[in-house]
Structure formats: structure tokens, C-alpha cells
Full PDB file with SEQRES, HELIX, SHEET, SSBOND, CRYST1, ORIGX, SCALE, CONECT and MASTER records, all heavy atoms in Angstrom:
SEQRES   1 A   42  ASP ASN CYS ILE VAL LEU GLY ASP PHE TYR ASN LYS ARG          
SEQRES   2 A   42  HIS SER THR PRO LEU GLU ILE SER PHE GLY THR GLU MET          
SEQRES   3 A   42  ILE VAL LYS LEU LEU SER THR TYR GLY ASN VAL SER LEU          
SEQRES   4 A   42  LEU THR GLY                                                  
HELIX    1 AA1 PRO A   17  TYR A   34  1                                  18    
SHEET    1 AA1 2 CYS A   3  VAL A   5  0                                        
SHEET    2 AA1 2 VAL A  37  LEU A  39  1                                        
CRYST1    1.000    1.000    1.000  90.00  90.00  90.00 P 1           1          
ORIGX1      1.000000  0.000000  0.000000        0.00000                         
ORIGX2      0.000000  1.000000  0.000000        0.00000                         
ORIGX3      0.000000  0.000000  1.000000        0.00000                         
SCALE1      1.000000  0.000000  0.000000        0.00000                         
SCALE2      0.000000  1.000000  0.000000        0.00000                         
SCALE3      0.000000  0.000000  1.000000        0.00000                         
ATOM      1  N   ASP A   1      -0.628  -7.441   5.658  1.00  0.00           N  
ATOM      2  CA  ASP A   1      -0.806  -6.055   5.335  1.00  0.00           C  
ATOM      3  C   ASP A   1      -0.340  -5.099   6.415  1.00  0.00           C  
ATOM      4  O   ASP A   1      -0.048  -3.964   6.096  1.00  0.00           O  
ATOM      5  CB  ASP A   1      -2.305  -5.808   5.156  1.00  0.00           C  
ATOM      6  CG  ASP A   1      -2.880  -6.695   4.020  1.00  0.00           C  
ATOM      7  OD1 ASP A   1      -2.358  -6.626   2.874  1.00  0.00           O  
ATOM      8  OD2 ASP A   1      -3.812  -7.385   4.323  1.00  0.00           O  
ATOM      9  N   ASN A   2      -0.134  -5.603   7.619  1.00  0.00           N  
ATOM     10  CA  ASN A   2       0.522  -4.858   8.656  1.00  0.00           C  
ATOM     11  C   ASN A   2       1.116  -5.742   9.747  1.00  0.00           C  
ATOM     12  O   ASN A   2       0.810  -6.954   9.726  1.00  0.00           O  
ATOM     13  CB  ASN A   2      -0.510  -3.845   9.254  1.00  0.00           C  
ATOM     14  CG  ASN A   2      -1.709  -4.532   9.882  1.00  0.00           C  
ATOM     15  OD1 ASN A   2      -1.706  -5.679  10.249  1.00  0.00           O  
ATOM     16  ND2 ASN A   2      -2.809  -3.758  10.015  1.00  0.00           N  
ATOM     17  N   CYS A   3       1.744  -5.166  10.703  1.00  0.00           N  
ATOM     18  CA  CYS A   3       2.374  -5.923  11.756  1.00  0.00           C  
ATOM     19  C   CYS A   3       2.069  -5.223  13.080  1.00  0.00           C  
ATOM     20  O   CYS A   3       2.118  -4.042  13.237  1.00  0.00           O  
ATOM     21  CB  CYS A   3       3.890  -5.904  11.500  1.00  0.00           C  
ATOM     22  SG  CYS A   3       4.913  -6.678  12.796  1.00  0.00           S  
ATOM     23  N   ILE A   4       1.702  -6.006  14.059  1.00  0.00           N  
ATOM     24  CA  ILE A   4       1.330  -5.542  15.422  1.00  0.00           C  
ATOM     25  C   ILE A   4       2.167  -6.312  16.398  1.00  0.00           C  
ATOM     26  O   ILE A   4       2.201  -7.577  16.359  1.00  0.00           O  
ATOM     27  CB  ILE A   4      -0.182  -5.781  15.703  1.00  0.00           C  
ATOM     28  CG1 ILE A   4      -0.998  -5.077  14.651  1.00  0.00           C  
ATOM     29  CG2 ILE A   4      -0.495  -5.298  17.096  1.00  0.00           C  
ATOM     30  CD1 ILE A   4      -2.433  -5.395  14.699  1.00  0.00           C  
ATOM     31  N   VAL A   5       2.878  -5.611  17.255  1.00  0.00           N  
ATOM     32  CA  VAL A   5       3.665  -6.245  18.297  1.00  0.00           C  
ATOM     33  C   VAL A   5       2.916  -6.006  19.660  1.00  0.00           C  
ATOM     34  O   VAL A   5       2.754  -4.796  20.026  1.00  0.00           O  
ATOM     35  CB  VAL A   5       5.084  -5.669  18.346  1.00  0.00           C  
ATOM     36  CG1 VAL A   5       5.912  -6.321  19.402  1.00  0.00           C  
ATOM     37  CG2 VAL A   5       5.783  -5.817  17.046  1.00  0.00           C  
ATOM     38  N   LEU A   6       2.566  -6.991  20.303  1.00  0.00           N  
ATOM     39  CA  LEU A   6       1.668  -6.912  21.555  1.00  0.00           C  
ATOM     40  C   LEU A   6       2.487  -6.838  22.795  1.00  0.00           C  
ATOM     41  O   LEU A   6       2.238  -7.535  23.738  1.00  0.00           O  
ATOM     42  CB  LEU A   6       0.669  -8.086  21.612  1.00  0.00           C  
ATOM     43  CG  LEU A   6      -0.270  -8.164  20.435  1.00  0.00           C  
ATOM     44  CD1 LEU A   6      -1.114  -9.437  20.568  1.00  0.00           C  
ATOM     45  CD2 LEU A   6      -1.169  -6.979  20.327  1.00  0.00           C  
ATOM     46  N   GLY A   7       3.422  -5.947  22.869  1.00  0.00           N  
ATOM     47  CA  GLY A   7       4.124  -5.640  24.122  1.00  0.00           C  
ATOM     48  C   GLY A   7       5.303  -6.520  24.383  1.00  0.00           C  
ATOM     49  O   GLY A   7       5.624  -7.513  23.707  1.00  0.00           O  
ATOM     50  N   ASP A   8       6.076  -5.950  25.326  1.00  0.00           N  
ATOM     51  CA  ASP A   8       7.383  -6.632  25.789  1.00  0.00           C  
ATOM     52  C   ASP A   8       8.384  -6.805  24.676  1.00  0.00           C  
ATOM     53  O   ASP A   8       8.980  -7.859  24.481  1.00  0.00           O  
ATOM     54  CB  ASP A   8       7.116  -7.948  26.584  1.00  0.00           C  
ATOM     55  CG  ASP A   8       6.414  -7.635  27.959  1.00  0.00           C  
ATOM     56  OD1 ASP A   8       6.382  -6.480  28.321  1.00  0.00           O  
ATOM     57  OD2 ASP A   8       5.876  -8.604  28.460  1.00  0.00           O  
ATOM     58  N   PHE A   9       8.468  -5.757  23.832  1.00  0.00           N  
ATOM     59  CA  PHE A   9       9.451  -5.718  22.804  1.00  0.00           C  
ATOM     60  C   PHE A   9      10.912  -5.867  23.367  1.00  0.00           C  
ATOM     61  O   PHE A   9      11.687  -6.624  22.882  1.00  0.00           O  
ATOM     62  CB  PHE A   9       9.352  -4.423  22.000  1.00  0.00           C  
ATOM     63  CG  PHE A   9      10.165  -4.332  20.767  1.00  0.00           C  
ATOM     64  CD1 PHE A   9       9.837  -5.156  19.624  1.00  0.00           C  
ATOM     65  CD2 PHE A   9      11.154  -3.375  20.650  1.00  0.00           C  
ATOM     66  CE1 PHE A   9      10.546  -5.059  18.467  1.00  0.00           C  
ATOM     67  CE2 PHE A   9      11.863  -3.348  19.445  1.00  0.00           C  
ATOM     68  CZ  PHE A   9      11.574  -4.110  18.310  1.00  0.00           C  
ATOM     69  N   TYR A  10      11.158  -5.097  24.398  1.00  0.00           N  
ATOM     70  CA  TYR A  10      12.431  -5.142  25.089  1.00  0.00           C  
ATOM     71  C   TYR A  10      12.230  -5.920  26.375  1.00  0.00           C  
ATOM     72  O   TYR A  10      11.135  -6.165  26.827  1.00  0.00           O  
ATOM     73  CB  TYR A  10      13.041  -3.740  25.445  1.00  0.00           C  
ATOM     74  CG  TYR A  10      13.529  -3.006  24.188  1.00  0.00           C  
ATOM     75  CD1 TYR A  10      12.869  -1.863  23.721  1.00  0.00           C  
ATOM     76  CD2 TYR A  10      14.592  -3.487  23.514  1.00  0.00           C  
ATOM     77  CE1 TYR A  10      13.369  -1.186  22.605  1.00  0.00           C  
ATOM     78  CE2 TYR A  10      15.089  -2.760  22.407  1.00  0.00           C  
ATOM     79  CZ  TYR A  10      14.403  -1.664  21.999  1.00  0.00           C  
ATOM     80  OH  TYR A  10      14.860  -0.971  20.845  1.00  0.00           O  
ATOM     81  N   ASN A  11      13.361  -6.416  26.996  1.00  0.00           N  
ATOM     82  CA  ASN A  11      13.210  -7.183  28.211  1.00  0.00           C  
ATOM     83  C   ASN A  11      13.250  -6.405  29.490  1.00  0.00           C  
ATOM     84  O   ASN A  11      12.900  -6.859  30.524  1.00  0.00           O  
ATOM     85  CB  ASN A  11      14.347  -8.223  28.153  1.00  0.00           C  
ATOM     86  CG  ASN A  11      14.125  -9.354  29.220  1.00  0.00           C  
ATOM     87  OD1 ASN A  11      12.986  -9.745  29.368  1.00  0.00           O  
ATOM     88  ND2 ASN A  11      15.177  -9.664  30.007  1.00  0.00           N  
ATOM     89  N   LYS A  12      13.674  -5.143  29.364  1.00  0.00           N  
ATOM     90  CA  LYS A  12      13.840  -4.313  30.570  1.00  0.00           C  
ATOM     91  C   LYS A  12      13.494  -2.866  30.298  1.00  0.00           C  
ATOM     92  O   LYS A  12      13.523  -2.461  29.111  1.00  0.00           O  
ATOM     93  CB  LYS A  12      15.188  -4.479  31.197  1.00  0.00           C  
ATOM     94  CG  LYS A  12      16.327  -4.208  30.294  1.00  0.00           C  
ATOM     95  CD  LYS A  12      17.665  -4.668  30.881  1.00  0.00           C  
ATOM     96  CE  LYS A  12      18.773  -4.588  29.860  1.00  0.00           C  
ATOM     97  NZ  LYS A  12      19.733  -5.587  29.986  1.00  0.00           N  
ATOM     98  N   ARG A  13      13.278  -2.103  31.210  1.00  0.00           N  
ATOM     99  CA  ARG A  13      12.840  -0.595  31.044  1.00  0.00           C  
ATOM    100  C   ARG A  13      14.003   0.160  30.486  1.00  0.00           C  
ATOM    101  O   ARG A  13      13.726   1.106  29.814  1.00  0.00           O  
ATOM    102  CB  ARG A  13      12.427  -0.160  32.463  1.00  0.00           C  
ATOM    103  CG  ARG A  13      11.076  -0.723  32.831  1.00  0.00           C  
ATOM    104  CD  ARG A  13      10.708  -0.284  34.235  1.00  0.00           C  
ATOM    105  NE  ARG A  13       9.334  -0.644  34.591  1.00  0.00           N  
ATOM    106  CZ  ARG A  13       9.003  -1.816  35.018  1.00  0.00           C  
ATOM    107  NH1 ARG A  13       9.890  -2.755  35.236  1.00  0.00           N  
ATOM    108  NH2 ARG A  13       7.710  -2.067  35.261  1.00  0.00           N  
ATOM    109  N   HIS A  14      15.205  -0.129  30.779  1.00  0.00           N  
ATOM    110  CA  HIS A  14      16.368   0.678  30.387  1.00  0.00           C  
ATOM    111  C   HIS A  14      17.280  -0.254  29.562  1.00  0.00           C  
ATOM    112  O   HIS A  14      18.141  -0.914  30.153  1.00  0.00           O  
ATOM    113  CB  HIS A  14      17.090   1.362  31.514  1.00  0.00           C  
ATOM    114  CG  HIS A  14      16.220   2.199  32.294  1.00  0.00           C  
ATOM    115  ND1 HIS A  14      15.866   3.466  31.878  1.00  0.00           N  
ATOM    116  CD2 HIS A  14      15.603   2.062  33.496  1.00  0.00           C  
ATOM    117  CE1 HIS A  14      15.021   4.073  32.738  1.00  0.00           C  
ATOM    118  NE2 HIS A  14      14.893   3.270  33.732  1.00  0.00           N  
ATOM    119  N   SER A  15      17.074  -0.297  28.259  1.00  0.00           N  
ATOM    120  CA  SER A  15      17.891  -1.209  27.393  1.00  0.00           C  
ATOM    121  C   SER A  15      19.248  -0.706  27.133  1.00  0.00           C  
ATOM    122  O   SER A  15      19.490   0.528  27.229  1.00  0.00           O  
ATOM    123  CB  SER A  15      17.110  -1.372  26.154  1.00  0.00           C  
ATOM    124  OG  SER A  15      15.877  -1.980  26.283  1.00  0.00           O  
ATOM    125  N   THR A  16      20.152  -1.628  26.808  1.00  0.00           N  
ATOM    126  CA  THR A  16      21.511  -1.275  26.494  1.00  0.00           C  
ATOM    127  C   THR A  16      21.611  -0.716  25.070  1.00  0.00           C  
ATOM    128  O   THR A  16      20.752  -0.982  24.291  1.00  0.00           O  
ATOM    129  CB  THR A  16      22.482  -2.519  26.608  1.00  0.00           C  
ATOM    130  OG1 THR A  16      22.137  -3.413  25.517  1.00  0.00           O  
ATOM    131  CG2 THR A  16      22.403  -3.170  27.941  1.00  0.00           C  
ATOM    132  N   PRO A  17      22.748   0.012  24.718  1.00  0.00           N  
ATOM    133  CA  PRO A  17      22.786   0.433  23.331  1.00  0.00           C  
ATOM    134  C   PRO A  17      22.721  -0.678  22.327  1.00  0.00           C  
ATOM    135  O   PRO A  17      22.155  -0.473  21.260  1.00  0.00           O  
ATOM    136  CB  PRO A  17      24.229   1.136  23.376  1.00  0.00           C  
ATOM    137  CG  PRO A  17      24.388   1.567  24.769  1.00  0.00           C  
ATOM    138  CD  PRO A  17      23.768   0.464  25.609  1.00  0.00           C  
ATOM    139  N   LEU A  18      23.313  -1.845  22.574  1.00  0.00           N  
ATOM    140  CA  LEU A  18      23.202  -2.920  21.607  1.00  0.00           C  
ATOM    141  C   LEU A  18      21.791  -3.420  21.457  1.00  0.00           C  
ATOM    142  O   LEU A  18      21.316  -3.662  20.353  1.00  0.00           O  
ATOM    143  CB  LEU A  18      24.009  -4.121  22.117  1.00  0.00           C  
ATOM    144  CG  LEU A  18      24.094  -5.370  21.225  1.00  0.00           C  
ATOM    145  CD1 LEU A  18      24.597  -4.977  19.872  1.00  0.00           C  
ATOM    146  CD2 LEU A  18      24.990  -6.427  21.874  1.00  0.00           C  
ATOM    147  N   GLU A  19      21.007  -3.529  22.559  1.00  0.00           N  
ATOM    148  CA  GLU A  19      19.607  -3.844  22.541  1.00  0.00           C  
ATOM    149  C   GLU A  19      18.782  -2.867  21.697  1.00  0.00           C  
ATOM    150  O   GLU A  19      17.984  -3.228  20.896  1.00  0.00           O  
ATOM    151  CB  GLU A  19      19.072  -4.062  23.846  1.00  0.00           C  
ATOM    152  CG  GLU A  19      19.643  -5.197  24.608  1.00  0.00           C  
ATOM    153  CD  GLU A  19      19.491  -5.188  26.103  1.00  0.00           C  
ATOM    154  OE1 GLU A  19      18.995  -4.200  26.701  1.00  0.00           O  
ATOM    155  OE2 GLU A  19      19.874  -6.201  26.825  1.00  0.00           O  
ATOM    156  N   ILE A  20      19.022  -1.582  21.946  1.00  0.00           N  
ATOM    157  CA  ILE A  20      18.303  -0.483  21.260  1.00  0.00           C  
ATOM    158  C   ILE A  20      18.643  -0.511  19.797  1.00  0.00           C  
ATOM    159  O   ILE A  20      17.806  -0.340  18.902  1.00  0.00           O  
ATOM    160  CB  ILE A  20      18.644   0.875  21.889  1.00  0.00           C  
ATOM    161  CG1 ILE A  20      18.010   0.938  23.254  1.00  0.00           C  
ATOM    162  CG2 ILE A  20      18.145   2.052  20.984  1.00  0.00           C  
ATOM    163  CD1 ILE A  20      18.441   2.171  24.031  1.00  0.00           C  
ATOM    164  N   SER A  21      19.964  -0.744  19.448  1.00  0.00           N  
ATOM    165  CA  SER A  21      20.388  -0.800  18.054  1.00  0.00           C  
ATOM    166  C   SER A  21      19.619  -1.969  17.291  1.00  0.00           C  
ATOM    167  O   SER A  21      19.132  -1.779  16.231  1.00  0.00           O  
ATOM    168  CB  SER A  21      21.822  -1.011  17.948  1.00  0.00           C  
ATOM    169  OG  SER A  21      22.320  -1.183  16.664  1.00  0.00           O  
ATOM    170  N   PHE A  22      19.583  -3.132  17.941  1.00  0.00           N  
ATOM    171  CA  PHE A  22      18.855  -4.273  17.296  1.00  0.00           C  
ATOM    172  C   PHE A  22      17.434  -4.015  17.210  1.00  0.00           C  
ATOM    173  O   PHE A  22      16.823  -4.269  16.178  1.00  0.00           O  
ATOM    174  CB  PHE A  22      19.141  -5.564  18.093  1.00  0.00           C  
ATOM    175  CG  PHE A  22      18.415  -6.695  17.497  1.00  0.00           C  
ATOM    176  CD1 PHE A  22      18.746  -7.280  16.290  1.00  0.00           C  
ATOM    177  CD2 PHE A  22      17.187  -7.165  18.122  1.00  0.00           C  
ATOM    178  CE1 PHE A  22      18.007  -8.211  15.694  1.00  0.00           C  
ATOM    179  CE2 PHE A  22      16.441  -8.186  17.564  1.00  0.00           C  
ATOM    180  CZ  PHE A  22      16.831  -8.783  16.378  1.00  0.00           C  
ATOM    181  N   GLY A  23      16.818  -3.435  18.242  1.00  0.00           N  
ATOM    182  CA  GLY A  23      15.377  -3.067  18.192  1.00  0.00           C  
ATOM    183  C   GLY A  23      15.039  -2.147  17.067  1.00  0.00           C  
ATOM    184  O   GLY A  23      14.059  -2.291  16.314  1.00  0.00           O  
ATOM    185  N   THR A  24      15.944  -1.174  16.862  1.00  0.00           N  
ATOM    186  CA  THR A  24      15.716  -0.229  15.775  1.00  0.00           C  
ATOM    187  C   THR A  24      15.909  -0.929  14.403  1.00  0.00           C  
ATOM    188  O   THR A  24      15.059  -0.687  13.528  1.00  0.00           O  
ATOM    189  CB  THR A  24      16.836   0.888  15.918  1.00  0.00           C  
ATOM    190  OG1 THR A  24      16.665   1.563  17.184  1.00  0.00           O  
ATOM    191  CG2 THR A  24      16.729   1.854  14.811  1.00  0.00           C  
ATOM    192  N   GLU A  25      16.859  -1.743  14.319  1.00  0.00           N  
ATOM    193  CA  GLU A  25      17.097  -2.496  13.073  1.00  0.00           C  
ATOM    194  C   GLU A  25      15.882  -3.356  12.751  1.00  0.00           C  
ATOM    195  O   GLU A  25      15.383  -3.420  11.657  1.00  0.00           O  
ATOM    196  CB  GLU A  25      18.274  -3.426  13.230  1.00  0.00           C  
ATOM    197  CG  GLU A  25      18.606  -4.410  12.145  1.00  0.00           C  
ATOM    198  CD  GLU A  25      19.724  -5.296  12.439  1.00  0.00           C  
ATOM    199  OE1 GLU A  25      20.686  -4.983  13.181  1.00  0.00           O  
ATOM    200  OE2 GLU A  25      19.616  -6.515  11.993  1.00  0.00           O  
ATOM    201  N   MET A  26      15.317  -4.049  13.758  1.00  0.00           N  
ATOM    202  CA  MET A  26      14.184  -4.823  13.585  1.00  0.00           C  
ATOM    203  C   MET A  26      12.910  -3.973  13.071  1.00  0.00           C  
ATOM    204  O   MET A  26      12.297  -4.469  12.189  1.00  0.00           O  
ATOM    205  CB  MET A  26      13.821  -5.590  14.856  1.00  0.00           C  
ATOM    206  CG  MET A  26      12.782  -6.606  14.726  1.00  0.00           C  
ATOM    207  SD  MET A  26      12.599  -7.590  16.228  1.00  0.00           S  
ATOM    208  CE  MET A  26      11.808  -9.051  15.514  1.00  0.00           C  
ATOM    209  N   ILE A  27      12.689  -2.885  13.733  1.00  0.00           N  
ATOM    210  CA  ILE A  27      11.567  -2.065  13.396  1.00  0.00           C  
ATOM    211  C   ILE A  27      11.685  -1.520  11.946  1.00  0.00           C  
ATOM    212  O   ILE A  27      10.705  -1.591  11.168  1.00  0.00           O  
ATOM    213  CB  ILE A  27      11.292  -0.974  14.346  1.00  0.00           C  
ATOM    214  CG1 ILE A  27      10.862  -1.516  15.690  1.00  0.00           C  
ATOM    215  CG2 ILE A  27      10.308   0.049  13.836  1.00  0.00           C  
ATOM    216  CD1 ILE A  27       9.550  -2.338  15.671  1.00  0.00           C  
ATOM    217  N   VAL A  28      12.858  -1.129  11.563  1.00  0.00           N  
ATOM    218  CA  VAL A  28      13.116  -0.598  10.252  1.00  0.00           C  
ATOM    219  C   VAL A  28      12.846  -1.756   9.242  1.00  0.00           C  
ATOM    220  O   VAL A  28      12.152  -1.530   8.184  1.00  0.00           O  
ATOM    221  CB  VAL A  28      14.587  -0.096  10.061  1.00  0.00           C  
ATOM    222  CG1 VAL A  28      14.960   0.128   8.645  1.00  0.00           C  
ATOM    223  CG2 VAL A  28      14.778   1.175  10.905  1.00  0.00           C  
ATOM    224  N   LYS A  29      13.263  -3.011   9.460  1.00  0.00           N  
ATOM    225  CA  LYS A  29      12.993  -4.097   8.555  1.00  0.00           C  
ATOM    226  C   LYS A  29      11.484  -4.377   8.494  1.00  0.00           C  
ATOM    227  O   LYS A  29      10.949  -4.696   7.396  1.00  0.00           O  
ATOM    228  CB  LYS A  29      13.779  -5.334   8.982  1.00  0.00           C  
ATOM    229  CG  LYS A  29      15.306  -5.108   8.600  1.00  0.00           C  
ATOM    230  CD  LYS A  29      16.048  -6.365   8.957  1.00  0.00           C  
ATOM    231  CE  LYS A  29      17.541  -6.175   8.629  1.00  0.00           C  
ATOM    232  NZ  LYS A  29      18.402  -7.270   8.939  1.00  0.00           N  
ATOM    233  N   LEU A  30      10.815  -4.381   9.636  1.00  0.00           N  
ATOM    234  CA  LEU A  30       9.401  -4.610   9.652  1.00  0.00           C  
ATOM    235  C   LEU A  30       8.623  -3.559   8.901  1.00  0.00           C  
ATOM    236  O   LEU A  30       7.701  -3.822   8.168  1.00  0.00           O  
ATOM    237  CB  LEU A  30       8.883  -4.738  11.102  1.00  0.00           C  
ATOM    238  CG  LEU A  30       9.320  -5.960  11.859  1.00  0.00           C  
ATOM    239  CD1 LEU A  30       8.956  -5.839  13.352  1.00  0.00           C  
ATOM    240  CD2 LEU A  30       8.726  -7.253  11.236  1.00  0.00           C  
ATOM    241  N   LEU A  31       9.047  -2.290   9.092  1.00  0.00           N  
ATOM    242  CA  LEU A  31       8.431  -1.159   8.329  1.00  0.00           C  
ATOM    243  C   LEU A  31       8.663  -1.294   6.914  1.00  0.00           C  
ATOM    244  O   LEU A  31       7.702  -1.067   6.062  1.00  0.00           O  
ATOM    245  CB  LEU A  31       8.933   0.165   8.855  1.00  0.00           C  
ATOM    246  CG  LEU A  31       8.387   0.693  10.215  1.00  0.00           C  
ATOM    247  CD1 LEU A  31       9.294   1.756  10.816  1.00  0.00           C  
ATOM    248  CD2 LEU A  31       6.922   1.107  10.037  1.00  0.00           C  
ATOM    249  N   SER A  32       9.851  -1.653   6.475  1.00  0.00           N  
ATOM    250  CA  SER A  32      10.073  -1.826   5.003  1.00  0.00           C  
ATOM    251  C   SER A  32       9.316  -2.993   4.430  1.00  0.00           C  
ATOM    252  O   SER A  32       8.999  -2.968   3.270  1.00  0.00           O  
ATOM    253  CB  SER A  32      11.587  -1.899   4.742  1.00  0.00           C  
ATOM    254  OG  SER A  32      12.096  -3.080   5.209  1.00  0.00           O  
ATOM    255  N   THR A  33       9.047  -3.969   5.235  1.00  0.00           N  
ATOM    256  CA  THR A  33       8.289  -5.157   4.702  1.00  0.00           C  
ATOM    257  C   THR A  33       6.814  -4.935   4.790  1.00  0.00           C  
ATOM    258  O   THR A  33       6.104  -5.241   3.750  1.00  0.00           O  
ATOM    259  CB  THR A  33       8.735  -6.397   5.574  1.00  0.00           C  
ATOM    260  OG1 THR A  33      10.115  -6.671   5.456  1.00  0.00           O  
ATOM    261  CG2 THR A  33       8.036  -7.651   5.081  1.00  0.00           C  
ATOM    262  N   TYR A  34       6.304  -4.441   5.897  1.00  0.00           N  
ATOM    263  CA  TYR A  34       4.862  -4.334   6.096  1.00  0.00           C  
ATOM    264  C   TYR A  34       4.306  -2.899   5.936  1.00  0.00           C  
ATOM    265  O   TYR A  34       3.069  -2.761   5.849  1.00  0.00           O  
ATOM    266  CB  TYR A  34       4.438  -4.965   7.426  1.00  0.00           C  
ATOM    267  CG  TYR A  34       4.829  -6.416   7.469  1.00  0.00           C  
ATOM    268  CD1 TYR A  34       5.994  -6.833   8.308  1.00  0.00           C  
ATOM    269  CD2 TYR A  34       4.242  -7.367   6.667  1.00  0.00           C  
ATOM    270  CE1 TYR A  34       6.320  -8.149   8.256  1.00  0.00           C  
ATOM    271  CE2 TYR A  34       4.599  -8.753   6.697  1.00  0.00           C  
ATOM    272  CZ  TYR A  34       5.673  -9.129   7.528  1.00  0.00           C  
ATOM    273  OH  TYR A  34       6.063 -10.350   7.528  1.00  0.00           O  
ATOM    274  N   GLY A  35       5.118  -1.960   5.933  1.00  0.00           N  
ATOM    275  CA  GLY A  35       4.615  -0.519   5.842  1.00  0.00           C  
ATOM    276  C   GLY A  35       3.988   0.037   7.113  1.00  0.00           C  
ATOM    277  O   GLY A  35       4.273   1.095   7.465  1.00  0.00           O  
ATOM    278  N   ASN A  36       3.142  -0.696   7.816  1.00  0.00           N  
ATOM    279  CA  ASN A  36       2.508  -0.289   9.028  1.00  0.00           C  
ATOM    280  C   ASN A  36       2.868  -1.217  10.084  1.00  0.00           C  
ATOM    281  O   ASN A  36       2.601  -2.395  10.095  1.00  0.00           O  
ATOM    282  CB  ASN A  36       0.964  -0.232   8.785  1.00  0.00           C  
ATOM    283  CG  ASN A  36       0.233   0.268   9.968  1.00  0.00           C  
ATOM    284  OD1 ASN A  36       0.829   0.890  10.876  1.00  0.00           O  
ATOM    285  ND2 ASN A  36      -1.055   0.010   9.990  1.00  0.00           N  
ATOM    286  N   VAL A  37       3.593  -0.612  11.086  1.00  0.00           N  
ATOM    287  CA  VAL A  37       3.946  -1.410  12.298  1.00  0.00           C  
ATOM    288  C   VAL A  37       3.418  -0.718  13.533  1.00  0.00           C  
ATOM    289  O   VAL A  37       3.667   0.469  13.720  1.00  0.00           O  
ATOM    290  CB  VAL A  37       5.435  -1.622  12.423  1.00  0.00           C  
ATOM    291  CG1 VAL A  37       5.867  -2.367  13.682  1.00  0.00           C  
ATOM    292  CG2 VAL A  37       6.005  -2.378  11.202  1.00  0.00           C  
ATOM    293  N   SER A  38       2.698  -1.437  14.396  1.00  0.00           N  
ATOM    294  CA  SER A  38       2.148  -0.905  15.666  1.00  0.00           C  
ATOM    295  C   SER A  38       2.723  -1.682  16.824  1.00  0.00           C  
ATOM    296  O   SER A  38       2.768  -2.921  16.753  1.00  0.00           O  
ATOM    297  CB  SER A  38       0.628  -0.954  15.685  1.00  0.00           C  
ATOM    298  OG  SER A  38       0.074  -0.245  14.569  1.00  0.00           O  
ATOM    299  N   LEU A  39       3.074  -0.985  17.840  1.00  0.00           N  
ATOM    300  CA  LEU A  39       3.583  -1.609  19.076  1.00  0.00           C  
ATOM    301  C   LEU A  39       2.767  -1.195  20.205  1.00  0.00           C  
ATOM    302  O   LEU A  39       2.419   0.028  20.365  1.00  0.00           O  
ATOM    303  CB  LEU A  39       5.018  -1.220  19.303  1.00  0.00           C  
ATOM    304  CG  LEU A  39       6.098  -1.787  18.383  1.00  0.00           C  
ATOM    305  CD1 LEU A  39       6.361  -0.752  17.285  1.00  0.00           C  
ATOM    306  CD2 LEU A  39       7.322  -2.132  19.106  1.00  0.00           C  
ATOM    307  N   LEU A  40       2.408  -2.130  21.081  1.00  0.00           N  
ATOM    308  CA  LEU A  40       1.703  -1.804  22.300  1.00  0.00           C  
ATOM    309  C   LEU A  40       2.757  -1.899  23.446  1.00  0.00           C  
ATOM    310  O   LEU A  40       3.614  -2.789  23.413  1.00  0.00           O  
ATOM    311  CB  LEU A  40       0.564  -2.876  22.626  1.00  0.00           C  
ATOM    312  CG  LEU A  40      -0.774  -2.647  21.922  1.00  0.00           C  
ATOM    313  CD1 LEU A  40      -0.635  -2.872  20.459  1.00  0.00           C  
ATOM    314  CD2 LEU A  40      -1.815  -3.454  22.510  1.00  0.00           C  
ATOM    315  N   THR A  41       2.729  -0.938  24.273  1.00  0.00           N  
ATOM    316  CA  THR A  41       3.555  -0.900  25.507  1.00  0.00           C  
ATOM    317  C   THR A  41       3.286  -2.055  26.340  1.00  0.00           C  
ATOM    318  O   THR A  41       2.105  -2.248  26.783  1.00  0.00           O  
ATOM    319  CB  THR A  41       3.503   0.382  26.242  1.00  0.00           C  
ATOM    320  OG1 THR A  41       3.738   1.493  25.286  1.00  0.00           O  
ATOM    321  CG2 THR A  41       4.482   0.500  27.365  1.00  0.00           C  
ATOM    322  N   GLY A  42       4.287  -2.854  26.728  1.00  0.00           N  
ATOM    323  CA  GLY A  42       4.116  -3.961  27.628  1.00  0.00           C  
ATOM    324  C   GLY A  42       4.641  -3.565  28.996  1.00  0.00           C  
ATOM    325  O   GLY A  42       5.134  -2.438  29.151  1.00  0.00           O  
TER     326      GLY A  42                                                      
MASTER        0    0    0    1    2    0    0    6  325    1    0    4          
END                                                                             
């Protein structure tokens, strides 16, 4: 019914454009699948 990511989504504090692009793609897919996605800052 929902998706929760418990931190450390990225590997470093300042991600590269490729890493940000993939992270964005991943969240968009999770949102379209589960509707509700929560992330905790790691």
C-alpha cells in the first residue's frame, strides 16, 4: 500500500547528475507503483 525508504538513498552528500537522474527515475517509478513513498534522511 505504500513504500518507505529508511535512509541512505544516495551514497554521498553531493551526488553526481547521473546519480540524481537515476534516483529521480526510481522515485517516479515507486510513486507510480505505490502512490505513497516516504524517505527518511540517512
